[in-house]
PDB file of N, CA and C in Angstrom:
ATOM      1  N   MET A   1      86.955 121.090 -55.990  1.00  0.00           N
ATOM      2  CA  MET A   1      86.632 121.552 -57.489  1.00  0.00           C
ATOM      3  C   MET A   1      87.814 121.534 -58.179  1.00  0.00           C
ATOM      4  N   THR A   2      87.921 121.302 -59.387  1.00  0.00           N
ATOM      5  CA  THR A   2      89.268 121.175 -60.019  1.00  0.00           C
ATOM      6  C   THR A   2      89.112 122.699 -60.508  1.00  0.00           C
ATOM      7  N   ALA A   3      90.200 122.834 -61.239  1.00  0.00           N
ATOM      8  CA  ALA A   3      90.387 124.098 -61.807  1.00  0.00           C
ATOM      9  C   ALA A   3      89.416 124.217 -63.141  1.00  0.00           C
ATOM     10  N   THR A   4      89.236 123.436 -63.769  1.00  0.00           N
ATOM     11  CA  THR A   4      88.276 123.485 -65.267  1.00  0.00           C
ATOM     12  C   THR A   4      86.841 123.760 -64.557  1.00  0.00           C
ATOM     13  N   ALA A   5      86.525 122.771 -63.628  1.00  0.00           N
ATOM     14  CA  ALA A   5      85.361 123.158 -63.030  1.00  0.00           C
ATOM     15  C   ALA A   5      84.886 124.341 -62.192  1.00  0.00           C
ATOM     16  N   THR A   6      85.797 125.024 -61.880  1.00  0.00           N
ATOM     17  CA  THR A   6      86.215 126.365 -61.161  1.00  0.00           C
ATOM     18  C   THR A   6      85.936 127.202 -62.406  1.00  0.00           C
ATOM     19  N   THR A   7      86.407 127.103 -63.599  1.00  0.00           N
ATOM     20  CA  THR A   7      86.590 128.081 -64.657  1.00  0.00           C
ATOM     21  C   THR A   7      85.384 127.895 -65.095  1.00  0.00           C
ATOM     22  N   SER A   8      84.605 126.494 -65.439  1.00  0.00           N
ATOM     23  CA  SER A   8      83.301 126.797 -66.082  1.00  0.00           C
ATOM     24  C   SER A   8      82.371 127.303 -65.214  1.00  0.00           C
ATOM     25  N   ALA A   9      82.441 126.997 -64.031  1.00  0.00           N
ATOM     26  CA  ALA A   9      81.266 127.601 -62.966  1.00  0.00           C
ATOM     27  C   ALA A   9      81.480 129.226 -62.924  1.00  0.00           C
ATOM     28  N   ALA A  10      82.711 129.747 -63.238  1.00  0.00           N
ATOM     29  CA  ALA A  10      82.630 130.855 -62.992  1.00  0.00           C
ATOM     30  C   ALA A  10      82.127 131.804 -64.409  1.00  0.00           C
ATOM     31  N   THR A  11      82.559 131.276 -65.630  1.00  0.00           N
ATOM     32  CA  THR A  11      81.981 131.432 -66.910  1.00  0.00           C
ATOM     33  C   THR A  11      80.399 131.197 -66.894  1.00  0.00           C
ATOM     34  N   ALA A  12      79.950 130.086 -66.252  1.00  0.00           N
ATOM     35  CA  ALA A  12      78.265 130.221 -66.260  1.00  0.00           C
ATOM     36  C   ALA A  12      77.884 131.341 -65.596  1.00  0.00           C
ATOM     37  N   THR A  13      78.569 131.606 -64.401  1.00  0.00           N
ATOM     38  CA  THR A  13      78.163 132.658 -63.457  1.00  0.00           C
ATOM     39  C   THR A  13      78.078 133.980 -64.141  1.00  0.00           C
ATOM     40  N   ALA A  14      79.232 134.300 -64.940  1.00  0.00           N
ATOM     41  CA  ALA A  14      79.529 135.238 -65.792  1.00  0.00           C
ATOM     42  C   ALA A  14      78.367 135.487 -66.839  1.00  0.00           C
ATOM     43  N   THR A  15      78.197 134.397 -67.404  1.00  0.00           N
ATOM     44  CA  THR A  15      76.988 134.601 -68.295  1.00  0.00           C
ATOM     45  C   THR A  15      75.812 134.831 -67.995  1.00  0.00           C
ATOM     46  N   ALA A  16      75.395 134.197 -66.933  1.00  0.00           N
ATOM     47  CA  ALA A  16      74.005 134.382 -66.200  1.00  0.00           C
ATOM     48  C   ALA A  16      73.734 135.859 -65.963  1.00  0.00           C
ATOM     49  N   THR A  17      74.777 136.319 -65.499  1.00  0.00           N
ATOM     50  CA  THR A  17      74.387 137.995 -64.720  1.00  0.00           C
ATOM     51  C   THR A  17      74.676 138.717 -65.952  1.00  0.00           C
ATOM     52  N   GLU A  18      75.115 138.248 -67.018  1.00  0.00           N
ATOM     53  CA  GLU A  18      75.326 139.345 -68.208  1.00  0.00           C
ATOM     54  C   GLU A  18      74.223 139.347 -68.723  1.00  0.00           C
ATOM     55  N   LYS A  19      73.188 138.149 -68.975  1.00  0.00           N
ATOM     56  CA  LYS A  19      72.307 138.251 -69.411  1.00  0.00           C
ATOM     57  C   LYS A  19      71.186 138.925 -68.738  1.00  0.00           C
ATOM     58  N   THR A  20      71.465 138.832 -67.426  1.00  0.00           N
ATOM     59  CA  THR A  20      70.169 139.080 -66.628  1.00  0.00           C
ATOM     60  C   THR A  20      70.602 140.481 -66.152  1.00  0.00           C
ATOM     61  N   GLY A  21      71.568 141.001 -66.015  1.00  0.00           N
ATOM     62  CA  GLY A  21      72.256 142.194 -65.290  1.00  0.00           C
ATOM     63  C   GLY A  21      72.104 142.107 -63.950  1.00  0.00           C
ATOM     64  N   ALA A  22      72.016 140.658 -63.352  1.00  0.00           N
ATOM     65  CA  ALA A  22      72.243 140.228 -61.835  1.00  0.00           C
ATOM     66  C   ALA A  22      73.668 140.445 -61.595  1.00  0.00           C
ATOM     67  N   ARG A  23      73.935 140.428 -60.353  1.00  0.00           N
ATOM     68  CA  ARG A  23      75.252 140.328 -59.380  1.00  0.00           C
ATOM     69  C   ARG A  23      75.443 139.109 -58.749  1.00  0.00           C
ATOM     70  N   THR A  24      74.405 138.454 -58.724  1.00  0.00           N
ATOM     71  CA  THR A  24      74.518 137.110 -58.202  1.00  0.00           C
ATOM     72  C   THR A  24      73.693 135.891 -58.800  1.00  0.00           C
ATOM     73  N   ASP A  25      74.073 134.538 -58.292  1.00  0.00           N
ATOM     74  CA  ASP A  25      73.490 133.651 -59.155  1.00  0.00           C
ATOM     75  C   ASP A  25      72.123 133.430 -58.700  1.00  0.00           C
ATOM     76  N   ASP A  26      71.874 133.871 -57.304  1.00  0.00           N
ATOM     77  CA  ASP A  26      70.344 133.667 -56.979  1.00  0.00           C
ATOM     78  C   ASP A  26      69.778 134.814 -57.744  1.00  0.00           C
ATOM     79  N   ALA A  27      70.286 135.790 -58.055  1.00  0.00           N
ATOM     80  CA  ALA A  27      69.226 136.723 -58.401  1.00  0.00           C
ATOM     81  C   ALA A  27      69.247 136.615 -60.188  1.00  0.00           C
ATOM     82  N   ALA A  28      70.152 135.908 -60.574  1.00  0.00           N
ATOM     83  CA  ALA A  28      70.142 135.621 -62.051  1.00  0.00           C
ATOM     84  C   ALA A  28      68.993 134.598 -62.300  1.00  0.00           C
ATOM     85  N   GLN A  29      68.854 133.540 -61.224  1.00  0.00           N
ATOM     86  CA  GLN A  29      67.696 132.499 -61.307  1.00  0.00           C
ATOM     87  C   GLN A  29      66.280 132.927 -61.209  1.00  0.00           C
ATOM     88  N   VAL A  30      66.151 134.112 -60.429  1.00  0.00           N
ATOM     89  CA  VAL A  30      65.054 134.546 -59.897  1.00  0.00           C
ATOM     90  C   VAL A  30      64.454 135.374 -61.342  1.00  0.00           C
ATOM     91  N   ILE A  31      65.474 136.265 -61.726  1.00  0.00           N
ATOM     92  CA  ILE A  31      65.336 136.802 -63.337  1.00  0.00           C
ATOM     93  C   ILE A  31      64.814 136.203 -64.249  1.00  0.00           C
ATOM     94  N   THR A  32      65.711 134.935 -64.825  1.00  0.00           N
ATOM     95  CA  THR A  32      65.285 134.135 -65.679  1.00  0.00           C
ATOM     96  C   THR A  32      64.237 133.418 -65.431  1.00  0.00           C
ATOM     97  N   GLY A  33      63.464 133.150 -64.216  1.00  0.00           N
ATOM     98  CA  GLY A  33      62.542 132.404 -64.288  1.00  0.00           C
ATOM     99  C   GLY A  33      61.382 133.105 -64.207  1.00  0.00           C
ATOM    100  N   ALA A  34      61.544 134.665 -63.880  1.00  0.00           N
ATOM    101  CA  ALA A  34      60.436 135.732 -63.875  1.00  0.00           C
ATOM    102  C   ALA A  34      60.317 135.952 -65.255  1.00  0.00           C
ATOM    103  N   ARG A  35      61.457 136.269 -66.075  1.00  0.00           N
ATOM    104  CA  ARG A  35      61.374 136.496 -67.685  1.00  0.00           C
ATOM    105  C   ARG A  35      60.650 135.405 -68.386  1.00  0.00           C
ATOM    106  N   GLU A  36      60.508 133.946 -68.217  1.00  0.00           N
ATOM    107  CA  GLU A  36      60.142 132.888 -68.869  1.00  0.00           C
ATOM    108  C   GLU A  36      58.942 132.813 -68.539  1.00  0.00           C
ATOM    109  N   ARG A  37      58.056 133.695 -67.238  1.00  0.00           N
ATOM    110  CA  ARG A  37      56.967 133.725 -67.027  1.00  0.00           C
ATOM    111  C   ARG A  37      56.318 134.923 -67.945  1.00  0.00           C
ATOM    112  N   ILE A  38      57.072 136.055 -68.167  1.00  0.00           N
ATOM    113  CA  ILE A  38      56.818 136.999 -68.872  1.00  0.00           C
ATOM    114  C   ILE A  38      56.411 136.810 -70.194  1.00  0.00           C
ATOM    115  N   ASP A  39      57.283 135.969 -70.843  1.00  0.00           N
ATOM    116  CA  ASP A  39      57.213 135.652 -72.185  1.00  0.00           C
ATOM    117  C   ASP A  39      55.878 134.662 -72.501  1.00  0.00           C
ATOM    118  N   ALA A  40      55.555 133.768 -71.213  1.00  0.00           N
ATOM    119  CA  ALA A  40      54.531 132.848 -71.247  1.00  0.00           C
ATOM    120  C   ALA A  40      53.051 133.845 -71.442  1.00  0.00           C
ATOM    121  N   LEU A  41      53.267 134.874 -70.325  1.00  0.00           N
ATOM    122  CA  LEU A  41      52.090 136.055 -70.454  1.00  0.00           C
ATOM    123  C   LEU A  41      52.061 136.741 -71.683  1.00  0.00           C
ATOM    124  N   ASP A  42      52.966 137.266 -72.268  1.00  0.00           N
ATOM    125  CA  ASP A  42      53.025 137.888 -73.507  1.00  0.00           C
ATOM    126  C   ASP A  42      52.387 136.921 -74.510  1.00  0.00           C
ATOM    127  N   ASP A  43      52.867 135.742 -74.523  1.00  0.00           N
ATOM    128  CA  ASP A  43      52.116 134.692 -75.631  1.00  0.00           C
ATOM    129  C   ASP A  43      50.676 134.743 -75.507  1.00  0.00           C
ATOM    130  N   ARG A  44      50.052 134.732 -74.171  1.00  0.00           N
ATOM    131  CA  ARG A  44      48.917 134.801 -73.987  1.00  0.00           C
ATOM    132  C   ARG A  44      48.119 135.776 -74.369  1.00  0.00           C
ATOM    133  N   ILE A  45      48.967 137.202 -73.883  1.00  0.00           N
ATOM    134  CA  ILE A  45      48.184 138.602 -74.498  1.00  0.00           C
ATOM    135  C   ILE A  45      48.114 138.583 -75.928  1.00  0.00           C
ATOM    136  N   ILE A  46      48.845 138.100 -76.857  1.00  0.00           N
ATOM    137  CA  ILE A  46      49.181 138.045 -78.350  1.00  0.00           C
ATOM    138  C   ILE A  46      47.859 137.674 -78.509  1.00  0.00           C
ATOM    139  N   GLY A  47      47.786 135.896 -78.073  1.00  0.00           N
ATOM    140  CA  GLY A  47      46.818 135.430 -78.589  1.00  0.00           C
ATOM    141  C   GLY A  47      45.239 135.989 -78.316  1.00  0.00           C
ATOM    142  N   LEU A  48      45.330 136.372 -77.243  1.00  0.00           N
ATOM    143  CA  LEU A  48      43.963 137.227 -76.870  1.00  0.00           C
ATOM    144  C   LEU A  48      43.694 138.338 -77.529  1.00  0.00           C
ATOM    145  N   ILE A  49      44.733 139.011 -78.139  1.00  0.00           N
ATOM    146  CA  ILE A  49      44.718 140.068 -78.946  1.00  0.00           C
ATOM    147  C   ILE A  49      44.509 139.676 -80.178  1.00  0.00           C
ATOM    148  N   GLN A  50      44.730 138.461 -80.959  1.00  0.00           N
ATOM    149  CA  GLN A  50      44.417 137.952 -82.187  1.00  0.00           C
ATOM    150  C   GLN A  50      42.677 137.508 -82.101  1.00  0.00           C
ATOM    151  N   GLU A  51      42.531 137.005 -80.918  1.00  0.00           N
ATOM    152  CA  GLU A  51      41.086 136.566 -80.912  1.00  0.00           C
ATOM    153  C   GLU A  51      40.156 137.779 -80.762  1.00  0.00           C
ATOM    154  N   ARG A  52      40.535 139.163 -80.193  1.00  0.00           N
ATOM    155  CA  ARG A  52      39.838 140.395 -80.488  1.00  0.00           C
ATOM    156  C   ARG A  52      39.823 140.870 -81.744  1.00  0.00           C
ATOM    157  N   MET A  53      40.868 140.279 -82.390  1.00  0.00           N
ATOM    158  CA  MET A  53      40.730 141.105 -83.953  1.00  0.00           C
ATOM    159  C   MET A  53      39.838 140.592 -84.570  1.00  0.00           C
ATOM    160  N   ALA A  54      39.433 139.001 -84.362  1.00  0.00           N
ATOM    161  CA  ALA A  54      38.778 138.221 -84.953  1.00  0.00           C
ATOM    162  C   ALA A  54      37.475 138.665 -84.845  1.00  0.00           C
ATOM    163  N   VAL A  55      36.957 138.743 -83.468  1.00  0.00           N
ATOM    164  CA  VAL A  55      35.571 139.563 -82.998  1.00  0.00           C
ATOM    165  C   VAL A  55      35.633 140.399 -83.642  1.00  0.00           C
ATOM    166  N   SER A  56      36.373 141.503 -83.677  1.00  0.00           N
ATOM    167  CA  SER A  56      36.062 142.844 -84.185  1.00  0.00           C
ATOM    168  C   SER A  56      35.812 142.616 -85.651  1.00  0.00           C
ATOM    169  N   ALA A  57      36.375 141.751 -86.087  1.00  0.00           N
ATOM    170  CA  ALA A  57      36.419 141.832 -87.748  1.00  0.00           C
ATOM    171  C   ALA A  57      34.798 141.083 -87.829  1.00  0.00           C
ATOM    172  N   VAL A  58      33.941 140.482 -87.040  1.00  0.00           N
ATOM    173  CA  VAL A  58      32.440 140.111 -87.095  1.00  0.00           C
ATOM    174  C   VAL A  58      31.778 140.862 -86.921  1.00  0.00           C
ATOM    175  N   ILE A  59      32.040 141.855 -86.076  1.00  0.00           N
ATOM    176  CA  ILE A  59      31.366 143.188 -85.728  1.00  0.00           C
ATOM    177  C   ILE A  59      31.269 144.065 -86.861  1.00  0.00           C
ATOM    178  N   GLN A  60      32.537 144.512 -87.459  1.00  0.00           N
ATOM    179  CA  GLN A  60      32.637 145.389 -88.511  1.00  0.00           C
ATOM    180  C   GLN A  60      31.865 144.752 -89.571  1.00  0.00           C
ATOM    181  N   GLU A  61      32.182 143.791 -89.730  1.00  0.00           N
ATOM    182  CA  GLU A  61      31.119 143.108 -91.139  1.00  0.00           C
ATOM    183  C   GLU A  61      29.554 143.148 -91.041  1.00  0.00           C
ATOM    184  N   ALA A  62      29.229 142.968 -89.793  1.00  0.00           N
ATOM    185  CA  ALA A  62      27.648 142.851 -89.385  1.00  0.00           C
ATOM    186  C   ALA A  62      27.232 144.573 -89.479  1.00  0.00           C
ATOM    187  N   ARG A  63      28.108 145.432 -89.091  1.00  0.00           N
ATOM    188  CA  ARG A  63      27.671 146.699 -88.915  1.00  0.00           C
ATOM    189  C   ARG A  63      27.687 147.335 -90.598  1.00  0.00           C
ATOM    190  N   ILE A  64      28.793 147.043 -91.302  1.00  0.00           N
ATOM    191  CA  ILE A  64      29.080 147.323 -92.662  1.00  0.00           C
ATOM    192  C   ILE A  64      27.801 146.792 -93.637  1.00  0.00           C
ATOM    193  N   SER A  65      27.590 145.369 -93.597  1.00  0.00           N
ATOM    194  CA  SER A  65      26.523 145.141 -94.155  1.00  0.00           C
ATOM    195  C   SER A  65      25.019 145.185 -94.002  1.00  0.00           C
ATOM    196  N   SER A  66      24.765 146.001 -92.741  1.00  0.00           N
ATOM    197  CA  SER A  66      23.419 146.261 -92.264  1.00  0.00           C
ATOM    198  C   SER A  66      23.551 148.003 -93.076  1.00  0.00           C
ATOM    199  N   GLY A  67      24.480 148.417 -93.422  1.00  0.00           N
ATOM    200  CA  GLY A  67      24.634 149.725 -94.050  1.00  0.00           C
ATOM    201  C   GLY A  67      25.069 150.753 -92.823  1.00  0.00           C
ATOM    202  N   GLY A  68      25.719 150.171 -91.776  1.00  0.00           N
ATOM    203  CA  GLY A  68      26.380 151.240 -90.866  1.00  0.00           C
ATOM    204  C   GLY A  68      28.203 151.359 -91.485  1.00  0.00           C
ATOM    205  N   ARG A  69      28.536 152.172 -90.388  1.00  0.00           N
ATOM    206  CA  ARG A  69      29.919 152.405 -90.537  1.00  0.00           C
ATOM    207  C   ARG A  69      30.623 151.526 -90.046  1.00  0.00           C
ATOM    208  N   ARG A  70      32.180 151.317 -90.701  1.00  0.00           N
ATOM    209  CA  ARG A  70      32.965 150.310 -90.118  1.00  0.00           C
ATOM    210  C   ARG A  70      33.358 150.483 -88.520  1.00  0.00           C
ATOM    211  N   VAL A  71      33.436 151.490 -88.308  1.00  0.00           N
ATOM    212  CA  VAL A  71      34.072 151.941 -86.810  1.00  0.00           C
ATOM    213  C   VAL A  71      33.128 152.986 -85.982  1.00  0.00           C
ATOM    214  N   ASN A  72      32.879 152.498 -85.018  1.00  0.00           N
ATOM    215  CA  ASN A  72      31.736 153.307 -84.006  1.00  0.00           C
ATOM    216  C   ASN A  72      32.721 153.998 -82.834  1.00  0.00           C
ATOM    217  N   LEU A  73      32.620 155.205 -83.266  1.00  0.00           N
ATOM    218  CA  LEU A  73      33.594 155.953 -82.139  1.00  0.00           C
ATOM    219  C   LEU A  73      33.274 156.074 -80.839  1.00  0.00           C
ATOM    220  N   ALA A  74      31.778 156.244 -80.452  1.00  0.00           N
ATOM    221  CA  ALA A  74      31.272 156.147 -79.172  1.00  0.00           C
ATOM    222  C   ALA A  74      31.614 154.890 -78.655  1.00  0.00           C
ATOM    223  N   ARG A  75      31.816 153.674 -78.973  1.00  0.00           N
ATOM    224  CA  ARG A  75      32.288 152.511 -78.451  1.00  0.00           C
ATOM    225  C   ARG A  75      33.764 152.531 -78.434  1.00  0.00           C
ATOM    226  N   GLU A  76      34.321 153.238 -79.110  1.00  0.00           N
ATOM    227  CA  GLU A  76      35.769 153.255 -79.119  1.00  0.00           C
ATOM    228  C   GLU A  76      36.323 154.192 -77.711  1.00  0.00           C
ATOM    229  N   MET A  77      35.410 155.146 -77.465  1.00  0.00           N
ATOM    230  CA  MET A  77      35.643 155.932 -76.541  1.00  0.00           C
ATOM    231  C   MET A  77      35.627 155.278 -75.154  1.00  0.00           C
ATOM    232  N   GLU A  78      34.750 154.394 -75.221  1.00  0.00           N
ATOM    233  CA  GLU A  78      34.263 153.546 -73.870  1.00  0.00           C
ATOM    234  C   GLU A  78      35.317 152.757 -73.464  1.00  0.00           C
ATOM    235  N   VAL A  79      35.905 152.095 -74.608  1.00  0.00           N
ATOM    236  CA  VAL A  79      37.077 150.975 -74.575  1.00  0.00           C
ATOM    237  C   VAL A  79      38.494 151.724 -74.037  1.00  0.00           C
ATOM    238  N   LEU A  80      38.462 152.939 -74.688  1.00  0.00           N
ATOM    239  CA  LEU A  80      39.652 153.832 -74.356  1.00  0.00           C
ATOM    240  C   LEU A  80      39.361 154.497 -72.461  1.00  0.00           C
ATOM    241  N   ALA A  81      38.293 154.719 -72.432  1.00  0.00           N
ATOM    242  CA  ALA A  81      38.016 155.178 -71.014  1.00  0.00           C
ATOM    243  C   ALA A  81      37.840 153.982 -70.012  1.00  0.00           C
ATOM    244  N   HIS A  82      37.436 152.806 -70.436  1.00  0.00           N
ATOM    245  CA  HIS A  82      37.910 151.405 -69.666  1.00  0.00           C
ATOM    246  C   HIS A  82      39.372 151.165 -69.339  1.00  0.00           C
ATOM    247  N   TYR A  83      40.314 151.310 -70.387  1.00  0.00           N
ATOM    248  CA  TYR A  83      41.705 151.186 -70.216  1.00  0.00           C
ATOM    249  C   TYR A  83      42.352 152.159 -69.179  1.00  0.00           C
ATOM    250  N   ARG A  84      42.010 152.993 -69.504  1.00  0.00           N
ATOM    251  CA  ARG A  84      42.468 154.617 -68.883  1.00  0.00           C
ATOM    252  C   ARG A  84      42.108 154.052 -67.406  1.00  0.00           C
ATOM    253  N   ALA A  85      40.876 153.978 -66.865  1.00  0.00           N
ATOM    254  CA  ALA A  85      40.470 153.813 -65.500  1.00  0.00           C
ATOM    255  C   ALA A  85      41.007 152.592 -65.091  1.00  0.00           C
ATOM    256  N   ALA A  86      41.489 151.292 -65.604  1.00  0.00           N
ATOM    257  CA  ALA A  86      42.147 150.490 -64.964  1.00  0.00           C
ATOM    258  C   ALA A  86      43.951 150.443 -65.105  1.00  0.00           C
ATOM    259  N   LEU A  87      44.196 150.989 -65.815  1.00  0.00           N
ATOM    260  CA  LEU A  87      45.735 151.235 -66.207  1.00  0.00           C
ATOM    261  C   LEU A  87      46.546 152.615 -66.206  1.00  0.00           C
ATOM    262  N   GLY A  88      45.239 153.554 -65.973  1.00  0.00           N
ATOM    263  CA  GLY A  88      46.014 154.931 -66.063  1.00  0.00           C
ATOM    264  C   GLY A  88      46.116 155.664 -67.370  1.00  0.00           C
ATOM    265  N   ARG A  89      47.154 156.626 -67.477  1.00  0.00           N
ATOM    266  CA  ARG A  89      47.357 157.157 -68.781  1.00  0.00           C
ATOM    267  C   ARG A  89      47.888 156.196 -69.890  1.00  0.00           C
ATOM    268  N   PRO A  90      48.768 155.445 -69.411  1.00  0.00           N
ATOM    269  CA  PRO A  90      49.359 154.407 -70.395  1.00  0.00           C
ATOM    270  C   PRO A  90      48.601 153.404 -71.063  1.00  0.00           C
ATOM    271  N   GLY A  91      47.332 152.871 -70.466  1.00  0.00           N
ATOM    272  CA  GLY A  91      46.469 152.553 -70.612  1.00  0.00           C
ATOM    273  C   GLY A  91      45.627 152.687 -71.605  1.00  0.00           C
ATOM    274  N   THR A  92      45.584 154.551 -71.933  1.00  0.00           N
ATOM    275  CA  THR A  92      45.131 154.804 -73.147  1.00  0.00           C
ATOM    276  C   THR A  92      46.030 154.690 -74.444  1.00  0.00           C
ATOM    277  N   SER A  93      47.330 154.475 -74.439  1.00  0.00           N
ATOM    278  CA  SER A  93      47.934 154.210 -75.530  1.00  0.00           C
ATOM    279  C   SER A  93      47.718 153.007 -75.833  1.00  0.00           C
ATOM    280  N   LEU A  94      48.069 151.930 -74.802  1.00  0.00           N
ATOM    281  CA  LEU A  94      47.676 150.680 -75.061  1.00  0.00           C
ATOM    282  C   LEU A  94      46.545 150.303 -75.865  1.00  0.00           C
ATOM    283  N   ALA A  95      45.380 150.912 -75.193  1.00  0.00           N
ATOM    284  CA  ALA A  95      43.817 150.655 -75.911  1.00  0.00           C
ATOM    285  C   ALA A  95      43.516 151.232 -77.325  1.00  0.00           C
ATOM    286  N   MET A  96      44.419 152.323 -77.694  1.00  0.00           N
ATOM    287  CA  MET A  96      44.398 153.019 -78.858  1.00  0.00           C
ATOM    288  C   MET A  96      45.425 152.168 -79.912  1.00  0.00           C
ATOM    289  N   THR A  97      46.458 151.380 -79.400  1.00  0.00           N
ATOM    290  CA  THR A  97      46.906 150.541 -80.286  1.00  0.00           C
ATOM    291  C   THR A  97      46.418 149.271 -80.500  1.00  0.00           C
ATOM    292  N   MET A  98      45.523 148.913 -79.297  1.00  0.00           N
ATOM    293  CA  MET A  98      44.961 147.543 -79.614  1.00  0.00           C
ATOM    294  C   MET A  98      43.641 147.934 -80.796  1.00  0.00           C
ATOM    295  N   LEU A  99      42.970 148.982 -80.516  1.00  0.00           N
ATOM    296  CA  LEU A  99      42.121 149.252 -81.290  1.00  0.00           C
ATOM    297  C   LEU A  99      42.559 149.651 -82.939  1.00  0.00           C
ATOM    298  N   GLU A 100      43.667 150.138 -83.180  1.00  0.00           N
ATOM    299  CA  GLU A 100      44.143 150.149 -84.262  1.00  0.00           C
ATOM    300  C   GLU A 100      44.568 148.810 -84.869  1.00  0.00           C
ATOM    301  N   LEU A 101      44.917 148.029 -84.174  1.00  0.00           N
ATOM    302  CA  LEU A 101      45.122 146.558 -84.836  1.00  0.00           C
ATOM    303  C   LEU A 101      43.798 145.947 -85.007  1.00  0.00           C
ATOM    304  N   CYS A 102      42.844 146.435 -84.323  1.00  0.00           N
ATOM    305  CA  CYS A 102      41.527 145.494 -84.517  1.00  0.00           C
ATOM    306  C   CYS A 102      40.401 146.582 -85.933  1.00  0.00           C
ATOM    307  N   ARG A 103      40.840 147.738 -86.168  1.00  0.00           N
ATOM    308  CA  ARG A 103      40.226 148.366 -87.152  1.00  0.00           C
ATOM    309  C   ARG A 103      40.190 147.834 -88.544  1.00  0.00           C
ATOM    310  N   GLY A 104      39.464 147.961 -89.453  1.00  0.00           N
ATOM    311  CA  GLY A 104      39.763 147.804 -91.115  1.00  0.00           C
ATOM    312  C   GLY A 104      40.322 146.435 -91.511  1.00  0.00           C
ATOM    313  N   ARG A 105      40.178 145.371 -90.829  1.00  0.00           N
ATOM    314  CA  ARG A 105      40.684 144.335 -91.356  1.00  0.00           C
ATOM    315  C   ARG A 105      39.793 143.669 -92.101  1.00  0.00           C
ATOM    316  N   ILE A 106      38.895 144.132 -92.523  1.00  0.00           N
ATOM    317  CA  ILE A 106      37.404 143.402 -93.386  1.00  0.00           C
ATOM    318  C   ILE A 106      37.547 144.007 -94.895  1.00  0.00           C
TER     319      ILE A 106
END
């Protein structure tokens, strides 16, 4: 390997490890691949939340047009319990944020 190639390889390794916090090239590659997967999952989660928001708006519109209230607190408690059961205490916070996103969009 030439001095230039060695310097380029060292720079690439330094950049990869700085971006990932890894100390080896192999670990940096694993982290980079896993982060790409997480980014794809996050995109799917965002899409599902947007879909949930649209469905929630349909429910709220039907409830309001029939003379009901915009929010059904008993149903929200069911959702909170479901998330808490599946994800533990942090699931409650996640569900609260999701419910907030889905409320009052109409």
